[in-house]
Amino acid sequence: MLKRVRAKLFLALLSFLALERFCHFQTEGFALSKMLLENSPPSAGPSETLTFIGAGKQFYAFETADRKHVVKFMKFSRRRPLPWLEKTSLPFLESWKRNYLAERAKRLSNLESSSRLALKHLSSEAALASYPLSKHLILIDKLGIRHRIDRAQTKFLVQKKATAFTLYFEQNPSQAQALISSYIETISSQCQKGISNLDPIIERNYGVVDNRMILMDVGSLLASPKLSTSIGLKRQIFLELLPLRQWLQNHHPEHLAYFDMQLKKNRP
């Protein structure tokens, strides 16, 4: 009898986990509660509709009606403190709880700091736009479900809509050299402003807008004192350009000589 109960519980747990993974896949992990500062009902008024186009570790991305801009809403899940855990008072958990909550608070602080750096210093490099977003928003998720919110309930930034750099590069071979130069110039400009990118993954974090490379992901930026020295600056630029060189070496080795030549030209 006990074995049957255990087997049923195990099957129920597997079914629950499978359903949870299926829902996560279908929605790309979108949950309105993860991006709201507060859960109060939105006020009435004219609204603007945004359509879900993707999710990363730090942001949910929604496309504007003109399809020329992307609104990126900050994700607070796994970052902000958990109210129920803060209220838990079990002596043997106190040390773990303090460390865990401190780590979540640190993640949130880092994300907010990264966004501020982009807004203050990298508006051009990240193609940030002063889009006149409505006070009231209707978000259409991947399943077509509509969610009405107030803009003030969230934190967000707006970028011009970009095409992934590697995809654009493959689709526009005649622009290869111009794109390589633009990539080097953008990274150099970012580093010269004393900002490093802790997640310089070429396949997903860089894009192209108006034939120019931009920082598509601005969630892992850090103000670095090391970039104030010539050696530190050169090293960081090289490190952040290394993914491009490796990608060219694997997919377009015919452009390596041009990359190396341009890198020498743009070294500070």
C-alpha atoms as a PDB file:
ATOM      1  CA  MET A   1       0.000   0.000   0.000  1.00  0.00           C
ATOM      2  CA  LEU A   2       2.764   2.424   0.984  1.00  0.00           C
ATOM      3  CA  LYS A   3       4.660   1.649  -2.235  1.00  0.00           C
ATOM      4  CA  ARG A   4       1.540   2.487  -4.298  1.00  0.00           C
ATOM      5  CA  VAL A   5       1.126   5.815  -2.506  1.00  0.00           C
ATOM      6  CA  ARG A   6       4.776   6.680  -3.088  1.00  0.00           C
ATOM      7  CA  ALA A   7       4.502   5.711  -6.754  1.00  0.00           C
ATOM      8  CA  LYS A   8       1.417   7.897  -7.205  1.00  0.00           C
ATOM      9  CA  LEU A   9       3.079  10.829  -5.471  1.00  0.00           C
ATOM     10  CA  PHE A  10       6.160  10.395  -7.653  1.00  0.00           C
ATOM     11  CA  LEU A  11       4.049  10.303 -10.828  1.00  0.00           C
ATOM     12  CA  ALA A  12       2.101  13.359  -9.675  1.00  0.00           C
ATOM     13  CA  LEU A  13       5.361  15.216  -9.043  1.00  0.00           C
ATOM     14  CA  LEU A  14       6.684  14.260 -12.493  1.00  0.00           C
ATOM     15  CA  SER A  15       3.437  15.396 -14.103  1.00  0.00           C
ATOM     16  CA  PHE A  16       3.582  18.721 -12.267  1.00  0.00           C
ATOM     17  CA  LEU A  17       7.206  19.321 -13.305  1.00  0.00           C
ATOM     18  CA  ALA A  18       6.451  18.373 -16.907  1.00  0.00           C
ATOM     19  CA  LEU A  19       3.476  20.742 -16.975  1.00  0.00           C
ATOM     20  CA  GLU A  20       5.532  23.532 -15.438  1.00  0.00           C
ATOM     21  CA  ARG A  21       8.295  23.072 -18.059  1.00  0.00           C
ATOM     22  CA  PHE A  22       5.696  22.960 -20.855  1.00  0.00           C
ATOM     23  CA  CYS A  23       4.084  26.200 -19.670  1.00  0.00           C
ATOM     24  CA  HIS A  24       7.519  27.821 -19.314  1.00  0.00           C
ATOM     25  CA  PHE A  25       8.387  26.818 -22.885  1.00  0.00           C
ATOM     26  CA  GLN A  26       5.053  28.034 -24.249  1.00  0.00           C
ATOM     27  CA  THR A  27       5.333  31.435 -22.551  1.00  0.00           C
ATOM     28  CA  GLU A  28       9.171  31.804 -22.572  1.00  0.00           C
ATOM     29  CA  GLY A  29       8.891  32.165 -18.815  1.00  0.00           C
ATOM     30  CA  PHE A  30       6.771  35.302 -18.939  1.00  0.00           C
ATOM     31  CA  ALA A  31       4.854  36.097 -15.764  1.00  0.00           C
ATOM     32  CA  LEU A  32       3.468  39.557 -15.133  1.00  0.00           C
ATOM     33  CA  SER A  33       4.276  39.370 -11.426  1.00  0.00           C
ATOM     34  CA  LYS A  34       7.993  39.098 -12.226  1.00  0.00           C
ATOM     35  CA  MET A  35       8.119  42.604 -13.743  1.00  0.00           C
ATOM     36  CA  LEU A  36       5.730  44.600 -11.555  1.00  0.00           C
ATOM     37  CA  LEU A  37       6.910  46.786  -8.702  1.00  0.00           C
ATOM     38  CA  GLU A  38       3.436  46.569  -7.199  1.00  0.00           C
ATOM     39  CA  ASN A  39       0.308  44.545  -7.908  1.00  0.00           C
ATOM     40  CA  SER A  40      -2.271  47.315  -7.549  1.00  0.00           C
ATOM     41  CA  PRO A  41      -4.975  47.443 -10.257  1.00  0.00           C
ATOM     42  CA  PRO A  42      -4.070  49.784 -13.151  1.00  0.00           C
ATOM     43  CA  SER A  43      -6.063  52.987 -13.509  1.00  0.00           C
ATOM     44  CA  ALA A  44      -8.379  53.615 -16.430  1.00  0.00           C
ATOM     45  CA  GLY A  45      -7.416  55.600 -19.523  1.00  0.00           C
ATOM     46  CA  PRO A  46      -6.272  55.320 -23.140  1.00  0.00           C
ATOM     47  CA  SER A  47      -3.712  52.566 -23.612  1.00  0.00           C
ATOM     48  CA  GLU A  48      -0.934  51.495 -25.955  1.00  0.00           C
ATOM     49  CA  THR A  49      -0.469  47.879 -27.057  1.00  0.00           C
ATOM     50  CA  LEU A  50       2.897  46.110 -26.935  1.00  0.00           C
ATOM     51  CA  THR A  51       3.557  42.578 -28.216  1.00  0.00           C
ATOM     52  CA  PHE A  52       5.888  40.060 -26.561  1.00  0.00           C
ATOM     53  CA  ILE A  53       8.930  39.118 -28.686  1.00  0.00           C
ATOM     54  CA  GLY A  54      11.323  37.491 -26.236  1.00  0.00           C
ATOM     55  CA  ALA A  55      12.898  37.171 -22.809  1.00  0.00           C
ATOM     56  CA  GLY A  56      16.429  37.205 -21.440  1.00  0.00           C
ATOM     57  CA  LYS A  57      17.846  36.794 -17.960  1.00  0.00           C
ATOM     58  CA  GLN A  58      17.240  40.434 -17.014  1.00  0.00           C
ATOM     59  CA  PHE A  59      14.431  41.730 -19.243  1.00  0.00           C
ATOM     60  CA  TYR A  60      11.191  40.908 -21.012  1.00  0.00           C
ATOM     61  CA  ALA A  61      11.110  42.410 -24.525  1.00  0.00           C
ATOM     62  CA  PHE A  62       7.947  43.794 -26.121  1.00  0.00           C
ATOM     63  CA  GLU A  63       7.604  45.315 -29.583  1.00  0.00           C
ATOM     64  CA  THR A  64       5.814  48.613 -30.184  1.00  0.00           C
ATOM     65  CA  ALA A  65       3.020  48.882 -32.723  1.00  0.00           C
ATOM     66  CA  ASP A  66       5.316  50.559 -35.273  1.00  0.00           C
ATOM     67  CA  ARG A  67       7.687  47.557 -35.044  1.00  0.00           C
ATOM     68  CA  LYS A  68      10.611  49.962 -34.881  1.00  0.00           C
ATOM     69  CA  HIS A  69      11.160  49.960 -31.125  1.00  0.00           C
ATOM     70  CA  VAL A  70      11.517  47.428 -28.323  1.00  0.00           C
ATOM     71  CA  VAL A  71      10.448  48.120 -24.738  1.00  0.00           C
ATOM     72  CA  LYS A  72      12.496  46.100 -22.260  1.00  0.00           C
ATOM     73  CA  PHE A  73      10.885  45.596 -18.864  1.00  0.00           C
ATOM     74  CA  MET A  74      13.192  44.743 -15.982  1.00  0.00           C
ATOM     75  CA  LYS A  75      12.663  41.312 -14.437  1.00  0.00           C
ATOM     76  CA  PHE A  76      12.680  41.304 -10.645  1.00  0.00           C
ATOM     77  CA  SER A  77      12.263  37.564 -10.173  1.00  0.00           C
ATOM     78  CA  ARG A  78      15.224  35.816  -8.536  1.00  0.00           C
ATOM     79  CA  ARG A  79      16.559  39.268  -7.628  1.00  0.00           C
ATOM     80  CA  ARG A  80      14.331  41.165  -5.241  1.00  0.00           C
ATOM     81  CA  PRO A  81      13.938  39.922  -1.634  1.00  0.00           C
ATOM     82  CA  LEU A  82      11.256  37.321  -0.973  1.00  0.00           C
ATOM     83  CA  PRO A  83       8.682  38.661   1.542  1.00  0.00           C
ATOM     84  CA  TRP A  84       7.760  35.202   2.863  1.00  0.00           C
ATOM     85  CA  LEU A  85      11.412  34.286   3.392  1.00  0.00           C
ATOM     86  CA  GLU A  86      12.151  37.564   5.167  1.00  0.00           C
ATOM     87  CA  LYS A  87       9.400  36.719   7.670  1.00  0.00           C
ATOM     88  CA  THR A  88      10.718  33.207   8.293  1.00  0.00           C
ATOM     89  CA  SER A  89      12.445  32.961  11.676  1.00  0.00           C
ATOM     90  CA  LEU A  90      13.993  29.522  12.045  1.00  0.00           C
ATOM     91  CA  PRO A  91      17.323  29.743  13.923  1.00  0.00           C
ATOM     92  CA  PHE A  92      19.079  27.050  11.866  1.00  0.00           C
ATOM     93  CA  LEU A  93      18.174  28.918   8.638  1.00  0.00           C
ATOM     94  CA  GLU A  94      19.244  32.404   9.694  1.00  0.00           C
ATOM     95  CA  SER A  95      22.756  32.345   8.238  1.00  0.00           C
ATOM     96  CA  TRP A  96      21.617  30.827   4.937  1.00  0.00           C
ATOM     97  CA  LYS A  97      18.655  33.218   4.752  1.00  0.00           C
ATOM     98  CA  ARG A  98      20.832  36.310   5.241  1.00  0.00           C
ATOM     99  CA  ASN A  99      23.254  35.212   2.533  1.00  0.00           C
ATOM    100  CA  TYR A 100      20.493  34.243   0.119  1.00  0.00           C
ATOM    101  CA  LEU A 101      18.549  37.494   0.531  1.00  0.00           C
ATOM    102  CA  ALA A 102      21.765  39.514   0.277  1.00  0.00           C
ATOM    103  CA  GLU A 103      22.602  37.786  -3.011  1.00  0.00           C
ATOM    104  CA  ARG A 104      19.161  38.528  -4.445  1.00  0.00           C
ATOM    105  CA  ALA A 105      19.405  42.160  -3.376  1.00  0.00           C
ATOM    106  CA  LYS A 106      22.857  42.367  -4.986  1.00  0.00           C
ATOM    107  CA  ARG A 107      21.518  40.985  -8.283  1.00  0.00           C
ATOM    108  CA  LEU A 108      18.765  43.583  -8.320  1.00  0.00           C
ATOM    109  CA  SER A 109      21.188  46.384  -7.477  1.00  0.00           C
ATOM    110  CA  ASN A 110      23.555  45.266 -10.264  1.00  0.00           C
ATOM    111  CA  LEU A 111      20.735  45.175 -12.809  1.00  0.00           C
ATOM    112  CA  GLU A 112      19.502  48.642 -11.850  1.00  0.00           C
ATOM    113  CA  SER A 113      23.069  49.997 -11.913  1.00  0.00           C
ATOM    114  CA  SER A 114      23.681  48.470 -15.353  1.00  0.00           C
ATOM    115  CA  SER A 115      20.515  50.057 -16.731  1.00  0.00           C
ATOM    116  CA  ARG A 116      21.492  53.456 -15.307  1.00  0.00           C
ATOM    117  CA  LEU A 117      24.926  53.238 -16.932  1.00  0.00           C
ATOM    118  CA  ALA A 118      23.352  52.522 -20.299  1.00  0.00           C
ATOM    119  CA  LEU A 119      20.816  55.330 -19.997  1.00  0.00           C
ATOM    120  CA  LYS A 120      23.393  57.880 -18.826  1.00  0.00           C
ATOM    121  CA  HIS A 121      26.425  57.028 -20.949  1.00  0.00           C
ATOM    122  CA  LEU A 122      25.566  54.620 -23.781  1.00  0.00           C
ATOM    123  CA  SER A 123      22.449  55.970 -25.463  1.00  0.00           C
ATOM    124  CA  SER A 124      24.168  55.908 -28.853  1.00  0.00           C
ATOM    125  CA  GLU A 125      26.016  52.601 -28.397  1.00  0.00           C
ATOM    126  CA  ALA A 126      22.789  50.888 -27.289  1.00  0.00           C
ATOM    127  CA  ALA A 127      20.424  52.763 -29.645  1.00  0.00           C
ATOM    128  CA  LEU A 128      18.303  53.909 -26.708  1.00  0.00           C
ATOM    129  CA  ALA A 129      15.293  55.910 -27.810  1.00  0.00           C
ATOM    130  CA  SER A 130      13.111  58.569 -26.193  1.00  0.00           C
ATOM    131  CA  TYR A 131       9.926  56.838 -27.304  1.00  0.00           C
ATOM    132  CA  PRO A 132       6.705  58.532 -26.071  1.00  0.00           C
ATOM    133  CA  LEU A 133       5.302  55.509 -24.254  1.00  0.00           C
ATOM    134  CA  SER A 134       1.703  55.775 -23.065  1.00  0.00           C
ATOM    135  CA  LYS A 135       0.901  55.856 -19.336  1.00  0.00           C
ATOM    136  CA  HIS A 136      -1.331  52.820 -19.707  1.00  0.00           C
ATOM    137  CA  LEU A 137      -0.109  49.698 -21.490  1.00  0.00           C
ATOM    138  CA  ILE A 138      -1.659  46.495 -22.762  1.00  0.00           C
ATOM    139  CA  LEU A 139       0.906  43.716 -22.984  1.00  0.00           C
ATOM    140  CA  ILE A 140       0.135  40.796 -25.292  1.00  0.00           C
ATOM    141  CA  ASP A 141       2.082  37.728 -24.183  1.00  0.00           C
ATOM    142  CA  LYS A 142       3.217  34.798 -26.316  1.00  0.00           C
ATOM    143  CA  LEU A 143      -0.107  33.007 -25.814  1.00  0.00           C
ATOM    144  CA  GLY A 144      -2.063  36.062 -26.968  1.00  0.00           C
ATOM    145  CA  ILE A 145      -3.295  36.898 -23.466  1.00  0.00           C
ATOM    146  CA  ARG A 146      -3.696  40.632 -22.809  1.00  0.00           C
ATOM    147  CA  HIS A 147      -2.400  42.207 -19.574  1.00  0.00           C
ATOM    148  CA  ARG A 148      -3.252  45.798 -18.681  1.00  0.00           C
ATOM    149  CA  ILE A 149      -0.728  47.685 -16.536  1.00  0.00           C
ATOM    150  CA  ASP A 150       0.334  51.211 -15.631  1.00  0.00           C
ATOM    151  CA  ARG A 151       3.757  52.236 -16.898  1.00  0.00           C
ATOM    152  CA  ALA A 152       4.644  53.413 -13.369  1.00  0.00           C
ATOM    153  CA  GLN A 153       4.300  49.840 -12.087  1.00  0.00           C
ATOM    154  CA  THR A 154       7.455  48.836 -13.925  1.00  0.00           C
ATOM    155  CA  LYS A 155      11.018  49.823 -14.769  1.00  0.00           C
ATOM    156  CA  PHE A 156      11.962  49.768 -18.430  1.00  0.00           C
ATOM    157  CA  LEU A 157      14.051  51.213 -21.229  1.00  0.00           C
ATOM    158  CA  VAL A 158      13.348  51.621 -24.945  1.00  0.00           C
ATOM    159  CA  GLN A 159      15.684  50.698 -27.791  1.00  0.00           C
ATOM    160  CA  LYS A 160      15.435  50.875 -31.530  1.00  0.00           C
ATOM    161  CA  LYS A 161      14.593  47.410 -32.782  1.00  0.00           C
ATOM    162  CA  ALA A 162      17.729  45.587 -33.900  1.00  0.00           C
ATOM    163  CA  THR A 163      18.543  42.495 -35.925  1.00  0.00           C
ATOM    164  CA  ALA A 164      20.940  40.064 -34.247  1.00  0.00           C
ATOM    165  CA  PHE A 165      24.485  40.899 -35.372  1.00  0.00           C
ATOM    166  CA  THR A 166      25.435  37.416 -36.600  1.00  0.00           C
ATOM    167  CA  LEU A 167      22.177  37.059 -38.546  1.00  0.00           C
ATOM    168  CA  TYR A 168      22.550  40.485 -40.155  1.00  0.00           C
ATOM    169  CA  PHE A 169      26.193  39.733 -40.999  1.00  0.00           C
ATOM    170  CA  GLU A 170      25.222  36.500 -42.772  1.00  0.00           C
ATOM    171  CA  GLN A 171      22.393  38.185 -44.666  1.00  0.00           C
ATOM    172  CA  ASN A 172      24.493  41.171 -45.794  1.00  0.00           C
ATOM    173  CA  PRO A 173      27.910  39.890 -46.888  1.00  0.00           C
ATOM    174  CA  SER A 174      28.639  43.071 -48.855  1.00  0.00           C
ATOM    175  CA  GLN A 175      28.615  45.025 -45.564  1.00  0.00           C
ATOM    176  CA  ALA A 176      31.035  42.703 -43.758  1.00  0.00           C
ATOM    177  CA  GLN A 177      33.915  45.141 -43.400  1.00  0.00           C
ATOM    178  CA  ALA A 178      31.660  48.042 -42.389  1.00  0.00           C
ATOM    179  CA  LEU A 179      30.037  45.842 -39.736  1.00  0.00           C
ATOM    180  CA  ILE A 180      33.395  44.720 -38.352  1.00  0.00           C
ATOM    181  CA  SER A 181      34.544  48.345 -38.132  1.00  0.00           C
ATOM    182  CA  SER A 182      31.304  49.373 -36.449  1.00  0.00           C
ATOM    183  CA  TYR A 183      31.603  46.526 -33.931  1.00  0.00           C
ATOM    184  CA  ILE A 184      35.139  47.559 -32.986  1.00  0.00           C
ATOM    185  CA  GLU A 185      34.201  51.248 -32.758  1.00  0.00           C
ATOM    186  CA  THR A 186      31.185  50.590 -30.530  1.00  0.00           C
ATOM    187  CA  ILE A 187      33.073  48.342 -28.116  1.00  0.00           C
ATOM    188  CA  SER A 188      35.981  50.802 -28.002  1.00  0.00           C
ATOM    189  CA  SER A 189      33.624  53.703 -27.283  1.00  0.00           C
ATOM    190  CA  GLN A 190      31.906  51.789 -24.472  1.00  0.00           C
ATOM    191  CA  CYS A 191      35.216  50.831 -22.840  1.00  0.00           C
ATOM    192  CA  GLN A 192      36.672  54.339 -23.219  1.00  0.00           C
ATOM    193  CA  LYS A 193      33.719  55.579 -21.172  1.00  0.00           C
ATOM    194  CA  GLY A 194      34.924  53.345 -18.333  1.00  0.00           C
ATOM    195  CA  ILE A 195      32.238  50.677 -18.801  1.00  0.00           C
ATOM    196  CA  SER A 196      32.846  46.955 -19.262  1.00  0.00           C
ATOM    197  CA  ASN A 197      30.352  44.344 -20.404  1.00  0.00           C
ATOM    198  CA  LEU A 198      30.399  41.170 -18.312  1.00  0.00           C
ATOM    199  CA  ASP A 199      28.395  39.200 -20.883  1.00  0.00           C
ATOM    200  CA  PRO A 200      29.918  39.892 -24.351  1.00  0.00           C
ATOM    201  CA  ILE A 201      28.262  36.977 -26.157  1.00  0.00           C
ATOM    202  CA  ILE A 202      28.126  37.830 -29.850  1.00  0.00           C
ATOM    203  CA  GLU A 203      25.270  35.498 -30.824  1.00  0.00           C
ATOM    204  CA  ARG A 204      22.647  37.062 -28.567  1.00  0.00           C
ATOM    205  CA  ASN A 205      23.826  40.336 -27.033  1.00  0.00           C
ATOM    206  CA  TYR A 206      24.706  42.477 -30.046  1.00  0.00           C
ATOM    207  CA  GLY A 207      22.557  43.715 -32.888  1.00  0.00           C
ATOM    208  CA  VAL A 208      22.475  45.984 -35.920  1.00  0.00           C
ATOM    209  CA  VAL A 209      20.393  49.142 -36.328  1.00  0.00           C
ATOM    210  CA  ASP A 210      20.708  51.427 -39.359  1.00  0.00           C
ATOM    211  CA  ASN A 211      23.717  49.387 -40.596  1.00  0.00           C
ATOM    212  CA  ARG A 212      25.520  49.959 -37.286  1.00  0.00           C
ATOM    213  CA  MET A 213      26.372  47.538 -34.493  1.00  0.00           C
ATOM    214  CA  ILE A 214      24.736  48.257 -31.114  1.00  0.00           C
ATOM    215  CA  LEU A 215      24.687  46.778 -27.617  1.00  0.00           C
ATOM    216  CA  MET A 216      21.401  44.922 -27.713  1.00  0.00           C
ATOM    217  CA  ASP A 217      21.672  43.629 -24.121  1.00  0.00           C
ATOM    218  CA  VAL A 218      22.494  46.208 -21.436  1.00  0.00           C
ATOM    219  CA  GLY A 219      21.893  44.093 -18.352  1.00  0.00           C
ATOM    220  CA  SER A 220      25.508  43.213 -17.494  1.00  0.00           C
ATOM    221  CA  LEU A 221      27.361  46.527 -17.601  1.00  0.00           C
ATOM    222  CA  LEU A 222      29.839  47.574 -14.933  1.00  0.00           C
ATOM    223  CA  ALA A 223      31.747  50.803 -14.277  1.00  0.00           C
ATOM    224  CA  SER A 224      35.350  49.651 -14.002  1.00  0.00           C
ATOM    225  CA  PRO A 225      38.228  51.723 -12.509  1.00  0.00           C
ATOM    226  CA  LYS A 226      40.679  49.455 -14.375  1.00  0.00           C
ATOM    227  CA  LEU A 227      39.660  51.105 -17.647  1.00  0.00           C
ATOM    228  CA  SER A 228      41.183  54.392 -16.517  1.00  0.00           C
ATOM    229  CA  THR A 229      44.665  53.037 -17.307  1.00  0.00           C
ATOM    230  CA  SER A 230      45.949  52.541 -20.844  1.00  0.00           C
ATOM    231  CA  ILE A 231      46.874  48.899 -20.194  1.00  0.00           C
ATOM    232  CA  GLY A 232      43.538  48.111 -18.562  1.00  0.00           C
ATOM    233  CA  LEU A 233      41.612  49.777 -21.374  1.00  0.00           C
ATOM    234  CA  LYS A 234      43.485  47.927 -24.138  1.00  0.00           C
ATOM    235  CA  ARG A 235      43.029  44.617 -22.331  1.00  0.00           C
ATOM    236  CA  GLN A 236      39.282  45.088 -21.859  1.00  0.00           C
ATOM    237  CA  ILE A 237      38.713  46.123 -25.467  1.00  0.00           C
ATOM    238  CA  PHE A 238      40.629  43.042 -26.620  1.00  0.00           C
ATOM    239  CA  LEU A 239      38.622  40.754 -24.292  1.00  0.00           C
ATOM    240  CA  GLU A 240      35.281  42.113 -25.468  1.00  0.00           C
ATOM    241  CA  LEU A 241      36.297  41.876 -29.133  1.00  0.00           C
ATOM    242  CA  LEU A 242      37.600  38.329 -28.770  1.00  0.00           C
ATOM    243  CA  PRO A 243      34.152  36.730 -29.307  1.00  0.00           C
ATOM    244  CA  LEU A 244      33.887  38.528 -32.672  1.00  0.00           C
ATOM    245  CA  ARG A 245      37.336  37.364 -33.724  1.00  0.00           C
ATOM    246  CA  GLN A 246      36.544  33.788 -32.723  1.00  0.00           C
ATOM    247  CA  TRP A 247      33.250  33.912 -34.599  1.00  0.00           C
ATOM    248  CA  LEU A 248      34.962  35.237 -37.720  1.00  0.00           C
ATOM    249  CA  GLN A 249      37.639  32.582 -37.423  1.00  0.00           C
ATOM    250  CA  ASN A 250      34.981  29.853 -37.278  1.00  0.00           C
ATOM    251  CA  HIS A 251      32.605  31.223 -39.911  1.00  0.00           C
ATOM    252  CA  HIS A 252      34.349  33.872 -42.024  1.00  0.00           C
ATOM    253  CA  PRO A 253      38.133  33.500 -41.815  1.00  0.00           C
ATOM    254  CA  GLU A 254      38.487  35.587 -44.967  1.00  0.00           C
ATOM    255  CA  HIS A 255      37.756  38.676 -42.815  1.00  0.00           C
ATOM    256  CA  LEU A 256      40.292  38.006 -40.050  1.00  0.00           C
ATOM    257  CA  ALA A 257      43.041  40.100 -41.643  1.00  0.00           C
ATOM    258  CA  TYR A 258      40.680  43.069 -41.899  1.00  0.00           C
ATOM    259  CA  PHE A 259      39.593  42.637 -38.266  1.00  0.00           C
ATOM    260  CA  ASP A 260      43.209  42.599 -37.044  1.00  0.00           C
ATOM    261  CA  MET A 261      44.068  45.663 -39.116  1.00  0.00           C
ATOM    262  CA  GLN A 262      41.071  47.620 -37.799  1.00  0.00           C
ATOM    263  CA  LEU A 263      41.793  46.592 -34.231  1.00  0.00           C
ATOM    264  CA  LYS A 264      45.287  48.071 -34.463  1.00  0.00           C
ATOM    265  CA  LYS A 265      43.867  51.298 -35.886  1.00  0.00           C
ATOM    266  CA  ASN A 266      41.306  51.688 -33.096  1.00  0.00           C
ATOM    267  CA  ARG A 267      43.547  50.909 -30.157  1.00  0.00           C
ATOM    268  CA  PRO A 268      43.646  53.895 -27.770  1.00  0.00           C
END
